[in-house]
Amino acid sequence: AVMVLFLFVVMMLDINVDRLREGFWK
């Protein structure tokens, strides 16, 4: 249930991965 829902949300949203990773090293 949870992971299938999460996969659908992740695949349907246009996530800007580069912006999410900006604070990774910080």
mmCIF file of all heavy atoms, coordinates in Angstrom:
data_MODEL
# 
_entry.id   MODEL 
# 
loop_
_atom_site.group_PDB 
_atom_site.id 
_atom_site.type_symbol 
_atom_site.label_atom_id 
_atom_site.label_alt_id 
_atom_site.label_comp_id 
_atom_site.label_asym_id 
_atom_site.label_entity_id 
_atom_site.label_seq_id 
_atom_site.pdbx_PDB_ins_code 
_atom_site.Cartn_x 
_atom_site.Cartn_y 
_atom_site.Cartn_z 
_atom_site.occupancy 
_atom_site.B_iso_or_equiv 
_atom_site.pdbx_formal_charge 
_atom_site.auth_seq_id 
_atom_site.auth_comp_id 
_atom_site.auth_asym_id 
_atom_site.auth_atom_id 
_atom_site.pdbx_PDB_model_num 
ATOM 1   N N   . ALA A 1 1  ? 0.809  -1.212 0.000   1.00 0.00 ? 1  ALA A N   1 
ATOM 2   C CA  . ALA A 1 1  ? 0.000  0.000  0.000   1.00 0.00 ? 1  ALA A CA  1 
ATOM 3   C C   . ALA A 1 1  ? 0.846  1.266  0.000   1.00 0.00 ? 1  ALA A C   1 
ATOM 4   O O   . ALA A 1 1  ? 0.779  2.079  -0.915  1.00 0.00 ? 1  ALA A O   1 
ATOM 5   C CB  . ALA A 1 1  ? -0.936 -0.012 1.212   1.00 0.00 ? 1  ALA A CB  1 
ATOM 6   N N   . VAL A 1 2  ? 1.666  1.417  1.023   1.00 0.00 ? 2  VAL A N   1 
ATOM 7   C CA  . VAL A 1 2  ? 2.390  2.674  1.200   1.00 0.00 ? 2  VAL A CA  1 
ATOM 8   C C   . VAL A 1 2  ? 3.393  2.900  0.079   1.00 0.00 ? 2  VAL A C   1 
ATOM 9   O O   . VAL A 1 2  ? 3.458  3.985  -0.509  1.00 0.00 ? 2  VAL A O   1 
ATOM 10  C CB  . VAL A 1 2  ? 3.083  2.697  2.581   1.00 0.00 ? 2  VAL A CB  1 
ATOM 11  C CG1 . VAL A 1 2  ? 3.930  3.943  2.733   1.00 0.00 ? 2  VAL A CG1 1 
ATOM 12  C CG2 . VAL A 1 2  ? 2.053  2.611  3.688   1.00 0.00 ? 2  VAL A CG2 1 
ATOM 13  N N   . MET A 1 3  ? 4.166  1.889  -0.261  1.00 0.00 ? 3  MET A N   1 
ATOM 14  C CA  . MET A 1 3  ? 5.203  2.088  -1.270  1.00 0.00 ? 3  MET A CA  1 
ATOM 15  C C   . MET A 1 3  ? 4.600  2.242  -2.666  1.00 0.00 ? 3  MET A C   1 
ATOM 16  O O   . MET A 1 3  ? 5.131  2.985  -3.485  1.00 0.00 ? 3  MET A O   1 
ATOM 17  C CB  . MET A 1 3  ? 6.204  0.936  -1.242  1.00 0.00 ? 3  MET A CB  1 
ATOM 18  C CG  . MET A 1 3  ? 7.182  1.044  -0.115  1.00 0.00 ? 3  MET A CG  1 
ATOM 19  S SD  . MET A 1 3  ? 7.946  2.671  0.050   1.00 0.00 ? 3  MET A SD  1 
ATOM 20  C CE  . MET A 1 3  ? 8.691  2.893  -1.531  1.00 0.00 ? 3  MET A CE  1 
ATOM 21  N N   . VAL A 1 4  ? 3.513  1.556  -2.940  1.00 0.00 ? 4  VAL A N   1 
ATOM 22  C CA  . VAL A 1 4  ? 2.863  1.736  -4.240  1.00 0.00 ? 4  VAL A CA  1 
ATOM 23  C C   . VAL A 1 4  ? 2.348  3.169  -4.355  1.00 0.00 ? 4  VAL A C   1 
ATOM 24  O O   . VAL A 1 4  ? 2.536  3.840  -5.382  1.00 0.00 ? 4  VAL A O   1 
ATOM 25  C CB  . VAL A 1 4  ? 1.734  0.711  -4.423  1.00 0.00 ? 4  VAL A CB  1 
ATOM 26  C CG1 . VAL A 1 4  ? 0.914  1.023  -5.658  1.00 0.00 ? 4  VAL A CG1 1 
ATOM 27  C CG2 . VAL A 1 4  ? 2.316  -0.691 -4.525  1.00 0.00 ? 4  VAL A CG2 1 
ATOM 28  N N   . LEU A 1 5  ? 1.722  3.675  -3.291  1.00 0.00 ? 5  LEU A N   1 
ATOM 29  C CA  . LEU A 1 5  ? 1.257  5.054  -3.290  1.00 0.00 ? 5  LEU A CA  1 
ATOM 30  C C   . LEU A 1 5  ? 2.431  6.023  -3.440  1.00 0.00 ? 5  LEU A C   1 
ATOM 31  O O   . LEU A 1 5  ? 2.376  6.975  -4.208  1.00 0.00 ? 5  LEU A O   1 
ATOM 32  C CB  . LEU A 1 5  ? 0.489  5.345  -1.997  1.00 0.00 ? 5  LEU A CB  1 
ATOM 33  C CG  . LEU A 1 5  ? -0.001 6.770  -1.803  1.00 0.00 ? 5  LEU A CG  1 
ATOM 34  C CD1 . LEU A 1 5  ? -1.055 7.110  -2.836  1.00 0.00 ? 5  LEU A CD1 1 
ATOM 35  C CD2 . LEU A 1 5  ? -0.528 6.959  -0.407  1.00 0.00 ? 5  LEU A CD2 1 
ATOM 36  N N   . PHE A 1 6  ? 3.512  5.759  -2.723  1.00 0.00 ? 6  PHE A N   1 
ATOM 37  C CA  . PHE A 1 6  ? 4.688  6.620  -2.799  1.00 0.00 ? 6  PHE A CA  1 
ATOM 38  C C   . PHE A 1 6  ? 5.287  6.606  -4.204  1.00 0.00 ? 6  PHE A C   1 
ATOM 39  O O   . PHE A 1 6  ? 5.688  7.647  -4.728  1.00 0.00 ? 6  PHE A O   1 
ATOM 40  C CB  . PHE A 1 6  ? 5.723  6.168  -1.765  1.00 0.00 ? 6  PHE A CB  1 
ATOM 41  C CG  . PHE A 1 6  ? 6.924  7.053  -1.692  1.00 0.00 ? 6  PHE A CG  1 
ATOM 42  C CD1 . PHE A 1 6  ? 6.816  8.350  -1.243  1.00 0.00 ? 6  PHE A CD1 1 
ATOM 43  C CD2 . PHE A 1 6  ? 8.167  6.586  -2.077  1.00 0.00 ? 6  PHE A CD2 1 
ATOM 44  C CE1 . PHE A 1 6  ? 7.922  9.169  -1.181  1.00 0.00 ? 6  PHE A CE1 1 
ATOM 45  C CE2 . PHE A 1 6  ? 9.276  7.397  -2.020  1.00 0.00 ? 6  PHE A CE2 1 
ATOM 46  C CZ  . PHE A 1 6  ? 9.156  8.688  -1.568  1.00 0.00 ? 6  PHE A CZ  1 
ATOM 47  N N   . LEU A 1 7  ? 5.336  5.437  -4.815  1.00 0.00 ? 7  LEU A N   1 
ATOM 48  C CA  . LEU A 1 7  ? 5.859  5.349  -6.180  1.00 0.00 ? 7  LEU A CA  1 
ATOM 49  C C   . LEU A 1 7  ? 4.998  6.139  -7.155  1.00 0.00 ? 7  LEU A C   1 
ATOM 50  O O   . LEU A 1 7  ? 5.517  6.843  -8.028  1.00 0.00 ? 7  LEU A O   1 
ATOM 51  C CB  . LEU A 1 7  ? 5.936  3.888  -6.619  1.00 0.00 ? 7  LEU A CB  1 
ATOM 52  C CG  . LEU A 1 7  ? 7.249  3.173  -6.351  1.00 0.00 ? 7  LEU A CG  1 
ATOM 53  C CD1 . LEU A 1 7  ? 7.139  1.715  -6.721  1.00 0.00 ? 7  LEU A CD1 1 
ATOM 54  C CD2 . LEU A 1 7  ? 8.379  3.809  -7.116  1.00 0.00 ? 7  LEU A CD2 1 
ATOM 55  N N   . PHE A 1 8  ? 3.683  6.030  -7.028  1.00 0.00 ? 8  PHE A N   1 
ATOM 56  C CA  . PHE A 1 8  ? 2.800  6.794  -7.914  1.00 0.00 ? 8  PHE A CA  1 
ATOM 57  C C   . PHE A 1 8  ? 3.010  8.293  -7.727  1.00 0.00 ? 8  PHE A C   1 
ATOM 58  O O   . PHE A 1 8  ? 3.059  9.051  -8.694  1.00 0.00 ? 8  PHE A O   1 
ATOM 59  C CB  . PHE A 1 8  ? 1.336  6.439  -7.673  1.00 0.00 ? 8  PHE A CB  1 
ATOM 60  C CG  . PHE A 1 8  ? 0.902  5.201  -8.404  1.00 0.00 ? 8  PHE A CG  1 
ATOM 61  C CD1 . PHE A 1 8  ? 0.397  4.124  -7.724  1.00 0.00 ? 8  PHE A CD1 1 
ATOM 62  C CD2 . PHE A 1 8  ? 1.013  5.126  -9.782  1.00 0.00 ? 8  PHE A CD2 1 
ATOM 63  C CE1 . PHE A 1 8  ? 0.003  2.981  -8.394  1.00 0.00 ? 8  PHE A CE1 1 
ATOM 64  C CE2 . PHE A 1 8  ? 0.619  3.998  -10.462 1.00 0.00 ? 8  PHE A CE2 1 
ATOM 65  C CZ  . PHE A 1 8  ? 0.113  2.922  -9.771  1.00 0.00 ? 8  PHE A CZ  1 
ATOM 66  N N   . VAL A 1 9  ? 3.137  8.743  -6.479  1.00 0.00 ? 9  VAL A N   1 
ATOM 67  C CA  . VAL A 1 9  ? 3.333  10.171 -6.216  1.00 0.00 ? 9  VAL A CA  1 
ATOM 68  C C   . VAL A 1 9  ? 4.665  10.637 -6.788  1.00 0.00 ? 9  VAL A C   1 
ATOM 69  O O   . VAL A 1 9  ? 4.753  11.684 -7.431  1.00 0.00 ? 9  VAL A O   1 
ATOM 70  C CB  . VAL A 1 9  ? 3.234  10.452 -4.701  1.00 0.00 ? 9  VAL A CB  1 
ATOM 71  C CG1 . VAL A 1 9  ? 3.697  11.859 -4.378  1.00 0.00 ? 9  VAL A CG1 1 
ATOM 72  C CG2 . VAL A 1 9  ? 1.821  10.250 -4.215  1.00 0.00 ? 9  VAL A CG2 1 
ATOM 73  N N   . VAL A 1 10 ? 5.723  9.852  -6.571  1.00 0.00 ? 10 VAL A N   1 
ATOM 74  C CA  . VAL A 1 10 ? 7.045  10.242 -7.071  1.00 0.00 ? 10 VAL A CA  1 
ATOM 75  C C   . VAL A 1 10 ? 7.061  10.268 -8.592  1.00 0.00 ? 10 VAL A C   1 
ATOM 76  O O   . VAL A 1 10 ? 7.641  11.163 -9.212  1.00 0.00 ? 10 VAL A O   1 
ATOM 77  C CB  . VAL A 1 10 ? 8.121  9.279  -6.520  1.00 0.00 ? 10 VAL A CB  1 
ATOM 78  C CG1 . VAL A 1 10 ? 9.423  9.436  -7.265  1.00 0.00 ? 10 VAL A CG1 1 
ATOM 79  C CG2 . VAL A 1 10 ? 8.339  9.538  -5.045  1.00 0.00 ? 10 VAL A CG2 1 
ATOM 80  N N   . MET A 1 11 ? 6.402  9.298  -9.223  1.00 0.00 ? 11 MET A N   1 
ATOM 81  C CA  . MET A 1 11 ? 6.423  9.243  -10.680 1.00 0.00 ? 11 MET A CA  1 
ATOM 82  C C   . MET A 1 11 ? 5.535  10.318 -11.305 1.00 0.00 ? 11 MET A C   1 
ATOM 83  O O   . MET A 1 11 ? 5.798  10.761 -12.422 1.00 0.00 ? 11 MET A O   1 
ATOM 84  C CB  . MET A 1 11 ? 6.002  7.853  -11.161 1.00 0.00 ? 11 MET A CB  1 
ATOM 85  C CG  . MET A 1 11 ? 7.016  6.784  -10.804 1.00 0.00 ? 11 MET A CG  1 
ATOM 86  S SD  . MET A 1 11 ? 6.447  5.129  -11.117 1.00 0.00 ? 11 MET A SD  1 
ATOM 87  C CE  . MET A 1 11 ? 6.471  5.072  -12.874 1.00 0.00 ? 11 MET A CE  1 
ATOM 88  N N   . MET A 1 12 ? 4.484  10.739 -10.612 1.00 0.00 ? 12 MET A N   1 
ATOM 89  C CA  . MET A 1 12 ? 3.587  11.731 -11.185 1.00 0.00 ? 12 MET A CA  1 
ATOM 90  C C   . MET A 1 12 ? 4.067  13.155 -10.957 1.00 0.00 ? 12 MET A C   1 
ATOM 91  O O   . MET A 1 12 ? 3.762  14.041 -11.740 1.00 0.00 ? 12 MET A O   1 
ATOM 92  C CB  . MET A 1 12 ? 2.179  11.562 -10.603 1.00 0.00 ? 12 MET A CB  1 
ATOM 93  C CG  . MET A 1 12 ? 1.472  10.352 -11.167 1.00 0.00 ? 12 MET A CG  1 
ATOM 94  S SD  . MET A 1 12 ? -0.119 9.944  -10.455 1.00 0.00 ? 12 MET A SD  1 
ATOM 95  C CE  . MET A 1 12 ? -0.799 11.425 -9.900  1.00 0.00 ? 12 MET A CE  1 
ATOM 96  N N   . LEU A 1 13 ? 4.823  13.391 -9.883  1.00 0.00 ? 13 LEU A N   1 
ATOM 97  C CA  . LEU A 1 13 ? 5.299  14.737 -9.609  1.00 0.00 ? 13 LEU A CA  1 
ATOM 98  C C   . LEU A 1 13 ? 6.563  15.013 -10.417 1.00 0.00 ? 13 LEU A C   1 
ATOM 99  O O   . LEU A 1 13 ? 7.386  14.127 -10.644 1.00 0.00 ? 13 LEU A O   1 
ATOM 100 C CB  . LEU A 1 13 ? 5.612  14.902 -8.118  1.00 0.00 ? 13 LEU A CB  1 
ATOM 101 C CG  . LEU A 1 13 ? 4.426  14.864 -7.175  1.00 0.00 ? 13 LEU A CG  1 
ATOM 102 C CD1 . LEU A 1 13 ? 4.902  14.981 -5.747  1.00 0.00 ? 13 LEU A CD1 1 
ATOM 103 C CD2 . LEU A 1 13 ? 3.459  15.981 -7.482  1.00 0.00 ? 13 LEU A CD2 1 
ATOM 104 N N   . ASP A 1 14 ? 6.726  16.242 -10.810 1.00 0.00 ? 14 ASP A N   1 
ATOM 105 C CA  . ASP A 1 14 ? 7.941  16.648 -11.506 1.00 0.00 ? 14 ASP A CA  1 
ATOM 106 C C   . ASP A 1 14 ? 8.893  17.225 -10.452 1.00 0.00 ? 14 ASP A C   1 
ATOM 107 O O   . ASP A 1 14 ? 8.880  18.416 -10.157 1.00 0.00 ? 14 ASP A O   1 
ATOM 108 C CB  . ASP A 1 14 ? 7.614  17.688 -12.576 1.00 0.00 ? 14 ASP A CB  1 
ATOM 109 C CG  . ASP A 1 14 ? 8.815  18.016 -13.423 1.00 0.00 ? 14 ASP A CG  1 
ATOM 110 O OD1 . ASP A 1 14 ? 9.765  17.210 -13.417 1.00 0.00 ? 14 ASP A OD1 1 
ATOM 111 O OD2 . ASP A 1 14 ? 8.812  19.073 -14.068 1.00 0.00 ? 14 ASP A OD2 1 
ATOM 112 N N   . ILE A 1 15 ? 9.712  16.344 -9.877  1.00 0.00 ? 15 ILE A N   1 
ATOM 113 C CA  . ILE A 1 15 ? 10.581 16.744 -8.776  1.00 0.00 ? 15 ILE A CA  1 
ATOM 114 C C   . ILE A 1 15 ? 11.899 17.248 -9.335  1.00 0.00 ? 15 ILE A C   1 
ATOM 115 O O   . ILE A 1 15 ? 12.537 16.578 -10.152 1.00 0.00 ? 15 ILE A O   1 
ATOM 116 C CB  . ILE A 1 15 ? 10.818 15.568 -7.815  1.00 0.00 ? 15 ILE A CB  1 
ATOM 117 C CG1 . ILE A 1 15 ? 9.494  15.129 -7.202  1.00 0.00 ? 15 ILE A CG1 1 
ATOM 118 C CG2 . ILE A 1 15 ? 11.802 15.938 -6.731  1.00 0.00 ? 15 ILE A CG2 1 
ATOM 119 C CD1 . ILE A 1 15 ? 9.595  13.895 -6.356  1.00 0.00 ? 15 ILE A CD1 1 
ATOM 120 N N   . ASN A 1 16 ? 12.329 18.410 -8.872  1.00 0.00 ? 16 ASN A N   1 
ATOM 121 C CA  . ASN A 1 16 ? 13.622 18.953 -9.252  1.00 0.00 ? 16 ASN A CA  1 
ATOM 122 C C   . ASN A 1 16 ? 14.670 18.351 -8.318  1.00 0.00 ? 16 ASN A C   1 
ATOM 123 O O   . ASN A 1 16 ? 14.865 18.822 -7.199  1.00 0.00 ? 16 ASN A O   1 
ATOM 124 C CB  . ASN A 1 16 ? 13.607 20.482 -9.150  1.00 0.00 ? 16 ASN A CB  1 
ATOM 125 C CG  . ASN A 1 16 ? 14.851 21.098 -9.728  1.00 0.00 ? 16 ASN A CG  1 
ATOM 126 O OD1 . ASN A 1 16 ? 15.761 20.393 -10.172 1.00 0.00 ? 16 ASN A OD1 1 
ATOM 127 N ND2 . ASN A 1 16 ? 14.905 22.420 -9.737  1.00 0.00 ? 16 ASN A ND2 1 
ATOM 128 N N   . VAL A 1 17 ? 15.342 17.305 -8.786  1.00 0.00 ? 17 VAL A N   1 
ATOM 129 C CA  . VAL A 1 17 ? 16.270 16.557 -7.946  1.00 0.00 ? 17 VAL A CA  1 
ATOM 130 C C   . VAL A 1 17 ? 17.490 17.409 -7.604  1.00 0.00 ? 17 VAL A C   1 
ATOM 131 O O   . VAL A 1 17 ? 18.007 17.339 -6.481  1.00 0.00 ? 17 VAL A O   1 
ATOM 132 C CB  . VAL A 1 17 ? 16.687 15.252 -8.657  1.00 0.00 ? 17 VAL A CB  1 
ATOM 133 C CG1 . VAL A 1 17 ? 17.659 14.470 -7.810  1.00 0.00 ? 17 VAL A CG1 1 
ATOM 134 C CG2 . VAL A 1 17 ? 15.465 14.415 -8.964  1.00 0.00 ? 17 VAL A CG2 1 
ATOM 135 N N   . ASP A 1 18 ? 17.957 18.217 -8.523  1.00 0.00 ? 18 ASP A N   1 
ATOM 136 C CA  . ASP A 1 18 ? 19.142 19.035 -8.260  1.00 0.00 ? 18 ASP A CA  1 
ATOM 137 C C   . ASP A 1 18 ? 18.896 20.027 -7.128  1.00 0.00 ? 18 ASP A C   1 
ATOM 138 O O   . ASP A 1 18 ? 19.775 20.265 -6.301  1.00 0.00 ? 18 ASP A O   1 
ATOM 139 C CB  . ASP A 1 18 ? 19.546 19.793 -9.527  1.00 0.00 ? 18 ASP A CB  1 
ATOM 140 C CG  . ASP A 1 18 ? 19.996 18.848 -10.627 1.00 0.00 ? 18 ASP A CG  1 
ATOM 141 O OD1 . ASP A 1 18 ? 20.512 17.759 -10.281 1.00 0.00 ? 18 ASP A OD1 1 
ATOM 142 O OD2 . ASP A 1 18 ? 19.820 19.173 -11.814 1.00 0.00 ? 18 ASP A OD2 1 
ATOM 143 N N   . ARG A 1 19 ? 17.690 20.582 -7.093  1.00 0.00 ? 19 ARG A N   1 
ATOM 144 C CA  . ARG A 1 19 ? 17.365 21.522 -6.014  1.00 0.00 ? 19 ARG A CA  1 
ATOM 145 C C   . ARG A 1 19 ? 17.278 20.811 -4.667  1.00 0.00 ? 19 ARG A C   1 
ATOM 146 O O   . ARG A 1 19 ? 17.644 21.372 -3.634  1.00 0.00 ? 19 ARG A O   1 
ATOM 147 C CB  . ARG A 1 19 ? 16.041 22.211 -6.336  1.00 0.00 ? 19 ARG A CB  1 
ATOM 148 C CG  . ARG A 1 19 ? 15.701 23.298 -5.374  1.00 0.00 ? 19 ARG A CG  1 
ATOM 149 C CD  . ARG A 1 19 ? 14.473 24.046 -5.812  1.00 0.00 ? 19 ARG A CD  1 
ATOM 150 N NE  . ARG A 1 19 ? 13.992 24.847 -4.708  1.00 0.00 ? 19 ARG A NE  1 
ATOM 151 C CZ  . ARG A 1 19 ? 12.733 25.113 -4.488  1.00 0.00 ? 19 ARG A CZ  1 
ATOM 152 N NH1 . ARG A 1 19 ? 11.815 24.663 -5.288  1.00 0.00 ? 19 ARG A NH1 1 
ATOM 153 N NH2 . ARG A 1 19 ? 12.369 25.845 -3.477  1.00 0.00 ? 19 ARG A NH2 1 
ATOM 154 N N   . LEU A 1 20 ? 16.791 19.570 -4.662  1.00 0.00 ? 20 LEU A N   1 
ATOM 155 C CA  . LEU A 1 20 ? 16.703 18.819 -3.414  1.00 0.00 ? 20 LEU A CA  1 
ATOM 156 C C   . LEU A 1 20 ? 18.074 18.455 -2.874  1.00 0.00 ? 20 LEU A C   1 
ATOM 157 O O   . LEU A 1 20 ? 18.269 18.338 -1.668  1.00 0.00 ? 20 LEU A O   1 
ATOM 158 C CB  . LEU A 1 20 ? 15.892 17.539 -3.624  1.00 0.00 ? 20 LEU A CB  1 
ATOM 159 C CG  . LEU A 1 20 ? 14.395 17.704 -3.832  1.00 0.00 ? 20 LEU A CG  1 
ATOM 160 C CD1 . LEU A 1 20 ? 13.758 16.363 -4.131  1.00 0.00 ? 20 LEU A CD1 1 
ATOM 161 C CD2 . LEU A 1 20 ? 13.752 18.314 -2.610  1.00 0.00 ? 20 LEU A CD2 1 
ATOM 162 N N   . ARG A 1 21 ? 19.042 18.280 -3.756  1.00 0.00 ? 21 ARG A N   1 
ATOM 163 C CA  . ARG A 1 21 ? 20.376 17.844 -3.332  1.00 0.00 ? 21 ARG A CA  1 
ATOM 164 C C   . ARG A 1 21 ? 21.312 19.002 -3.011  1.00 0.00 ? 21 ARG A C   1 
ATOM 165 O O   . ARG A 1 21 ? 22.474 18.775 -2.700  1.00 0.00 ? 21 ARG A O   1 
ATOM 166 C CB  . ARG A 1 21 ? 20.999 16.980 -4.414  1.00 0.00 ? 21 ARG A CB  1 
ATOM 167 C CG  . ARG A 1 21 ? 20.237 15.686 -4.620  1.00 0.00 ? 21 ARG A CG  1 
ATOM 168 C CD  . ARG A 1 21 ? 21.060 14.692 -5.393  1.00 0.00 ? 21 ARG A CD  1 
ATOM 169 N NE  . ARG A 1 21 ? 20.344 13.446 -5.523  1.00 0.00 ? 21 ARG A NE  1 
ATOM 170 C CZ  . ARG A 1 21 ? 20.382 12.476 -4.632  1.00 0.00 ? 21 ARG A CZ  1 
ATOM 171 N NH1 . ARG A 1 21 ? 21.097 12.594 -3.560  1.00 0.00 ? 21 ARG A NH1 1 
ATOM 172 N NH2 . ARG A 1 21 ? 19.712 11.360 -4.830  1.00 0.00 ? 21 ARG A NH2 1 
ATOM 173 N N   . GLU A 1 22 ? 20.825 20.231 -3.074  1.00 0.00 ? 22 GLU A N   1 
ATOM 174 C CA  . GLU A 1 22 ? 21.700 21.366 -2.813  1.00 0.00 ? 22 GLU A CA  1 
ATOM 175 C C   . GLU A 1 22 ? 22.260 21.351 -1.398  1.00 0.00 ? 22 GLU A C   1 
ATOM 176 O O   . GLU A 1 22 ? 23.420 21.668 -1.182  1.00 0.00 ? 22 GLU A O   1 
ATOM 177 C CB  . GLU A 1 22 ? 20.941 22.674 -3.058  1.00 0.00 ? 22 GLU A CB  1 
ATOM 178 C CG  . GLU A 1 22 ? 20.751 22.995 -4.512  1.00 0.00 ? 22 GLU A CG  1 
ATOM 179 C CD  . GLU A 1 22 ? 19.912 24.237 -4.718  1.00 0.00 ? 22 GLU A CD  1 
ATOM 180 O OE1 . GLU A 1 22 ? 19.456 24.823 -3.710  1.00 0.00 ? 22 GLU A OE1 1 
ATOM 181 O OE2 . GLU A 1 22 ? 19.705 24.622 -5.875  1.00 0.00 ? 22 GLU A OE2 1 
ATOM 182 N N   . GLY A 1 23 ? 21.456 20.991 -0.410  1.00 0.00 ? 23 GLY A N   1 
ATOM 183 C CA  . GLY A 1 23 ? 21.911 21.014 0.979   1.00 0.00 ? 23 GLY A CA  1 
ATOM 184 C C   . GLY A 1 23 ? 22.440 19.696 1.483   1.00 0.00 ? 23 GLY A C   1 
ATOM 185 O O   . GLY A 1 23 ? 22.616 19.528 2.689   1.00 0.00 ? 23 GLY A O   1 
ATOM 186 N N   . PHE A 1 24 ? 22.711 18.734 0.569   1.00 0.00 ? 24 PHE A N   1 
ATOM 187 C CA  . PHE A 1 24 ? 23.137 17.401 0.999   1.00 0.00 ? 24 PHE A CA  1 
ATOM 188 C C   . PHE A 1 24 ? 24.453 17.454 1.756   1.00 0.00 ? 24 PHE A C   1 
ATOM 189 O O   . PHE A 1 24 ? 24.576 16.921 2.857   1.00 0.00 ? 24 PHE A O   1 
ATOM 190 C CB  . PHE A 1 24 ? 23.252 16.480 -0.215  1.00 0.00 ? 24 PHE A CB  1 
ATOM 191 C CG  . PHE A 1 24 ? 23.722 15.093 0.119   1.00 0.00 ? 24 PHE A CG  1 
ATOM 192 C CD1 . PHE A 1 24 ? 22.862 14.180 0.691   1.00 0.00 ? 24 PHE A CD1 1 
ATOM 193 C CD2 . PHE A 1 24 ? 25.034 14.707 -0.118  1.00 0.00 ? 24 PHE A CD2 1 
ATOM 194 C CE1 . PHE A 1 24 ? 23.277 12.903 1.005   1.00 0.00 ? 24 PHE A CE1 1 
ATOM 195 C CE2 . PHE A 1 24 ? 25.461 13.441 0.188   1.00 0.00 ? 24 PHE A CE2 1 
ATOM 196 C CZ  . PHE A 1 24 ? 24.583 12.534 0.753   1.00 0.00 ? 24 PHE A CZ  1 
ATOM 197 N N   . TRP A 1 25 ? 25.467 18.106 1.193   1.00 0.00 ? 25 TRP A N   1 
ATOM 198 C CA  . TRP A 1 25 ? 26.791 18.130 1.823   1.00 0.00 ? 25 TRP A CA  1 
ATOM 199 C C   . TRP A 1 25 ? 26.789 19.001 3.070   1.00 0.00 ? 25 TRP A C   1 
ATOM 200 O O   . TRP A 1 25 ? 27.588 18.781 3.987   1.00 0.00 ? 25 TRP A O   1 
ATOM 201 C CB  . TRP A 1 25 ? 27.838 18.619 0.834   1.00 0.00 ? 25 TRP A CB  1 
ATOM 202 C CG  . TRP A 1 25 ? 28.013 17.661 -0.300  1.00 0.00 ? 25 TRP A CG  1 
ATOM 203 C CD1 . TRP A 1 25 ? 27.622 17.841 -1.585  1.00 0.00 ? 25 TRP A CD1 1 
ATOM 204 C CD2 . TRP A 1 25 ? 28.588 16.356 -0.234  1.00 0.00 ? 25 TRP A CD2 1 
ATOM 205 N NE1 . TRP A 1 25 ? 27.917 16.731 -2.335  1.00 0.00 ? 25 TRP A NE1 1 
ATOM 206 C CE2 . TRP A 1 25 ? 28.523 15.796 -1.522  1.00 0.00 ? 25 TRP A CE2 1 
ATOM 207 C CE3 . TRP A 1 25 ? 29.151 15.600 0.785   1.00 0.00 ? 25 TRP A CE3 1 
ATOM 208 C CZ2 . TRP A 1 25 ? 28.994 14.534 -1.821  1.00 0.00 ? 25 TRP A CZ2 1 
ATOM 209 C CZ3 . TRP A 1 25 ? 29.627 14.339 0.498   1.00 0.00 ? 25 TRP A CZ3 1 
ATOM 210 C CH2 . TRP A 1 25 ? 29.542 13.807 -0.785  1.00 0.00 ? 25 TRP A CH2 1 
ATOM 211 N N   . LYS A 1 26 ? 25.885 19.959 3.115   1.00 0.00 ? 26 LYS A N   1 
ATOM 212 C CA  . LYS A 1 26 ? 25.815 20.835 4.282   1.00 0.00 ? 26 LYS A CA  1 
ATOM 213 C C   . LYS A 1 26 ? 25.332 20.077 5.518   1.00 0.00 ? 26 LYS A C   1 
ATOM 214 O O   . LYS A 1 26 ? 25.816 20.301 6.622   1.00 0.00 ? 26 LYS A O   1 
ATOM 215 C CB  . LYS A 1 26 ? 24.872 21.999 3.956   1.00 0.00 ? 26 LYS A CB  1 
ATOM 216 C CG  . LYS A 1 26 ? 24.760 23.041 5.040   1.00 0.00 ? 26 LYS A CG  1 
ATOM 217 C CD  . LYS A 1 26 ? 23.971 24.217 4.502   1.00 0.00 ? 26 LYS A CD  1 
ATOM 218 C CE  . LYS A 1 26 ? 22.853 24.557 5.424   1.00 0.00 ? 26 LYS A CE  1 
ATOM 219 N NZ  . LYS A 1 26 ? 22.033 25.658 4.987   1.00 0.00 ? 26 LYS A NZ  1 
# 
